Amino acid sequence: MKKALFHLTLLAALLTTQTLYAQDQEIEVYYGALGVGSYTVEYTETRPTGNIAVKKSTRPAGYLKAGVDAQFWGAELRLGLSGSGGKNFPVGTIGSATAFRIDVQASPFFSYLGKVQYPFNDKFKIYALLGGTMANFSINPTGNPVLFSSSATKTGFTYGIGAAYKATQDFSVDVEWIQY
């Protein structure tokens, strides 16, 4: 709860700072968009009897985003869903008498991001993102009566870089790498 409160306070500070700065700088565009991509889902757990690790790449994901851009800054909110990843574990893992599987999912997620950007011209810009993400993280083991399903909302820092090409007045293509 303290982490969530900290991140909400950080978001309020970012938006307040950007709103004050916007008085000196003309806001260029408000926007909404749909994003799709390939995400990596990762989970690790350390126990006295051993470690469990699940890491699956290329999970499908998508998000809706809304934001505002000025010349050198922006702010963005994202709401998204991602696919799950799972792994089968053999008998004897963490002392288990049976084989089992763990499926992990971090979905839905909500991100609040500040953006610093540099426009090279009217059509192309690069940018950096910094903010936070809250996600519902669920763990679903099957085949082992000792491991229980669990779900929790986790909050963490988010950062990334990207580039955008504005093909027309109403359409642009962004490519980005982001760590949620």
Protein backbone atom coordinates (compact mmCIF):
# COMPACT_ATOMS: atom_id res chain seq x y z
CA MET A 1 0.00 0.00 0.00
CA LYS A 2 2.88 2.38 0.81
CA LYS A 3 4.37 1.73 -2.66
CA ALA A 4 1.04 2.47 -4.36
CA LEU A 5 0.66 5.71 -2.38
CA PHE A 6 4.24 6.71 -3.26
CA HIS A 7 3.63 6.10 -6.97
CA LEU A 8 0.33 8.01 -6.94
CA THR A 9 2.11 10.92 -5.23
CA LEU A 10 4.89 10.72 -7.85
CA LEU A 11 2.28 10.80 -10.63
CA ALA A 12 0.57 13.83 -9.09
CA ALA A 13 3.92 15.63 -8.82
CA LEU A 14 4.79 14.82 -12.45
CA LEU A 15 1.43 16.04 -13.72
CA THR A 16 1.53 19.17 -11.52
CA THR A 17 5.05 20.02 -12.68
CA GLN A 18 4.10 19.46 -16.30
CA THR A 19 0.92 21.52 -15.94
CA LEU A 20 2.88 24.46 -14.52
CA TYR A 21 5.48 24.19 -17.27
CA ALA A 22 2.75 23.98 -19.92
CA GLN A 23 1.93 27.65 -19.31
CA ASP A 24 5.21 28.55 -21.01
CA GLN A 25 4.91 25.96 -23.75
CA GLU A 26 2.02 25.37 -26.13
CA ILE A 27 0.46 21.91 -25.88
CA GLU A 28 0.69 20.35 -29.31
CA VAL A 29 -1.60 17.35 -29.11
CA TYR A 30 -3.87 15.23 -26.95
CA TYR A 31 -3.95 11.65 -28.17
CA GLY A 32 -5.36 8.19 -27.66
CA ALA A 33 -3.99 5.02 -29.21
CA LEU A 34 -3.91 1.24 -29.19
CA GLY A 35 -0.56 -0.51 -28.68
CA VAL A 36 0.35 -4.16 -29.17
CA GLY A 37 3.55 -6.00 -28.49
CA SER A 38 5.45 -8.97 -27.22
CA TYR A 39 6.16 -9.05 -23.49
CA THR A 40 8.25 -11.22 -21.17
CA VAL A 41 6.61 -12.62 -18.03
CA GLU A 42 9.01 -13.50 -15.21
CA TYR A 43 8.55 -14.93 -11.69
CA THR A 44 11.13 -16.18 -9.18
CA GLU A 45 10.64 -17.60 -5.70
CA THR A 46 13.30 -18.66 -3.19
CA ARG A 47 12.38 -21.36 -0.68
CA PRO A 48 14.45 -23.27 1.89
CA THR A 49 14.03 -26.41 -0.27
CA GLY A 50 15.09 -24.74 -3.54
CA ASN A 51 14.23 -22.05 -6.08
CA ILE A 52 11.41 -21.79 -8.60
CA ALA A 53 11.81 -19.60 -11.69
CA VAL A 54 9.38 -19.04 -14.56
CA LYS A 55 10.41 -16.81 -17.48
CA LYS A 56 8.52 -16.82 -20.76
CA SER A 57 9.21 -14.40 -23.60
CA THR A 58 7.03 -13.35 -26.51
CA ARG A 59 3.74 -13.30 -24.60
CA PRO A 60 1.14 -11.29 -26.53
CA ALA A 61 -0.01 -8.05 -24.93
CA GLY A 62 -1.95 -4.95 -25.77
CA TYR A 63 -2.79 -1.63 -24.17
CA LEU A 64 -4.85 1.50 -24.61
CA LYS A 65 -3.04 4.76 -23.99
CA ALA A 66 -4.06 8.39 -23.62
CA GLY A 67 -1.68 11.29 -23.31
CA VAL A 68 -0.64 14.82 -24.00
CA ASP A 69 2.45 16.04 -25.86
CA ALA A 70 4.13 19.43 -25.92
CA GLN A 71 7.39 20.17 -27.70
CA PHE A 72 9.86 18.54 -25.29
CA TRP A 73 7.65 16.74 -22.74
CA GLY A 74 4.55 14.64 -22.41
CA ALA A 75 2.49 12.55 -20.02
CA GLU A 76 0.76 9.25 -20.71
CA LEU A 77 -1.60 6.76 -19.04
CA ARG A 78 -1.78 3.12 -20.18
CA LEU A 79 -4.22 0.33 -19.39
CA GLY A 80 -3.32 -3.10 -20.72
CA LEU A 81 -3.59 -6.89 -20.72
CA SER A 82 -0.84 -9.44 -21.22
CA GLY A 83 -0.68 -13.17 -21.84
CA SER A 84 0.48 -15.66 -19.24
CA GLY A 85 3.62 -17.77 -19.11
CA GLY A 86 4.08 -21.17 -17.52
CA LYS A 87 6.62 -23.86 -16.81
CA ASN A 88 6.48 -27.57 -15.91
CA PHE A 89 8.59 -28.73 -12.96
CA PRO A 90 9.71 -32.37 -12.45
CA VAL A 91 9.30 -34.50 -9.35
CA GLY A 92 11.74 -33.43 -6.63
CA THR A 93 11.64 -29.70 -7.39
CA ILE A 94 11.46 -27.88 -4.03
CA GLY A 95 10.92 -31.30 -2.43
CA SER A 96 7.69 -32.02 -4.29
CA ALA A 97 6.59 -35.67 -4.56
CA THR A 98 4.72 -34.92 -7.81
CA ALA A 99 5.41 -33.04 -11.01
CA PHE A 100 3.66 -29.67 -11.20
CA ARG A 101 3.16 -26.61 -13.40
CA ILE A 102 3.12 -22.93 -12.51
CA ASP A 103 1.34 -20.36 -14.70
CA VAL A 104 2.16 -16.69 -14.09
CA GLN A 105 0.31 -13.63 -15.37
CA ALA A 106 0.78 -9.88 -14.76
CA SER A 107 -2.51 -8.55 -16.10
CA PRO A 108 -4.31 -6.17 -16.15
CA PHE A 109 -1.78 -3.39 -15.69
CA PHE A 110 -2.03 0.40 -15.33
CA SER A 111 0.94 2.69 -16.08
CA TYR A 112 1.43 6.41 -15.49
CA LEU A 113 4.39 7.83 -17.38
CA GLY A 114 6.20 11.10 -17.85
CA LYS A 115 7.85 11.59 -21.23
CA VAL A 116 10.89 13.63 -22.28
CA GLN A 117 11.15 13.88 -26.05
CA TYR A 118 13.27 15.41 -28.75
CA PRO A 119 11.60 16.18 -32.11
CA PHE A 120 14.04 16.03 -35.03
CA ASN A 121 11.40 17.47 -37.35
CA ASP A 122 7.59 17.55 -37.70
CA LYS A 123 7.47 13.80 -38.46
CA PHE A 124 10.12 12.08 -36.31
CA LYS A 125 10.94 12.19 -32.58
CA ILE A 126 12.71 10.10 -29.94
CA TYR A 127 11.59 9.90 -26.33
CA ALA A 128 12.29 8.47 -22.88
CA LEU A 129 9.59 7.29 -20.47
CA LEU A 130 9.70 7.22 -16.66
CA GLY A 131 6.92 6.44 -14.20
CA GLY A 132 5.24 3.54 -12.49
CA THR A 133 3.04 0.53 -13.17
CA MET A 134 0.51 -1.30 -11.04
CA ALA A 135 -0.35 -4.86 -12.13
CA ASN A 136 -2.47 -7.71 -10.83
CA PHE A 137 0.08 -10.51 -10.52
CA SER A 138 -1.40 -14.03 -10.31
CA ILE A 139 0.32 -17.39 -9.74
CA ASN A 140 -1.60 -20.58 -10.53
CA PRO A 141 0.12 -23.87 -9.73
CA THR A 142 -1.45 -27.17 -10.85
CA GLY A 143 -0.55 -30.70 -9.85
CA ASN A 144 0.92 -29.90 -6.42
CA PRO A 145 -1.33 -29.79 -3.34
CA VAL A 146 1.30 -27.87 -1.33
CA LEU A 147 1.46 -24.80 -3.62
CA PHE A 148 -1.55 -22.47 -3.56
CA SER A 149 -2.88 -20.04 -6.12
CA SER A 150 -2.29 -16.44 -5.19
CA SER A 151 -3.01 -13.02 -6.56
CA ALA A 152 -1.67 -9.62 -5.52
CA THR A 153 -1.44 -6.12 -6.89
CA LYS A 154 2.20 -5.11 -7.29
CA THR A 155 3.60 -1.66 -8.03
CA GLY A 156 6.99 -0.85 -9.52
CA PHE A 157 9.04 1.65 -11.50
CA THR A 158 8.69 1.77 -15.27
CA TYR A 159 11.21 3.16 -17.74
CA GLY A 160 11.84 2.95 -21.46
CA ILE A 161 12.90 4.57 -24.72
CA GLY A 162 11.19 4.92 -28.05
CA ALA A 163 10.91 6.59 -31.42
CA ALA A 164 7.82 7.83 -33.24
CA TYR A 165 7.18 8.53 -36.91
CA LYS A 166 4.11 10.63 -37.71
CA ALA A 167 2.94 9.33 -41.10
CA THR A 168 -0.11 11.65 -41.32
CA GLN A 169 -1.79 14.22 -39.08
CA ASP A 170 -3.90 11.45 -37.46
CA PHE A 171 -1.60 8.40 -37.63
CA SER A 172 1.82 7.60 -36.20
CA VAL A 173 3.94 4.50 -35.68
CA ASP A 174 5.92 4.12 -32.44
CA VAL A 175 8.64 1.59 -31.66
CA GLU A 176 9.69 1.31 -28.05
CA TRP A 177 11.42 -0.79 -25.43
CA ILE A 178 9.89 -0.50 -21.97
CA GLN A 179 10.52 -2.24 -18.64
CA TYR A 180 7.34 -2.52 -16.58
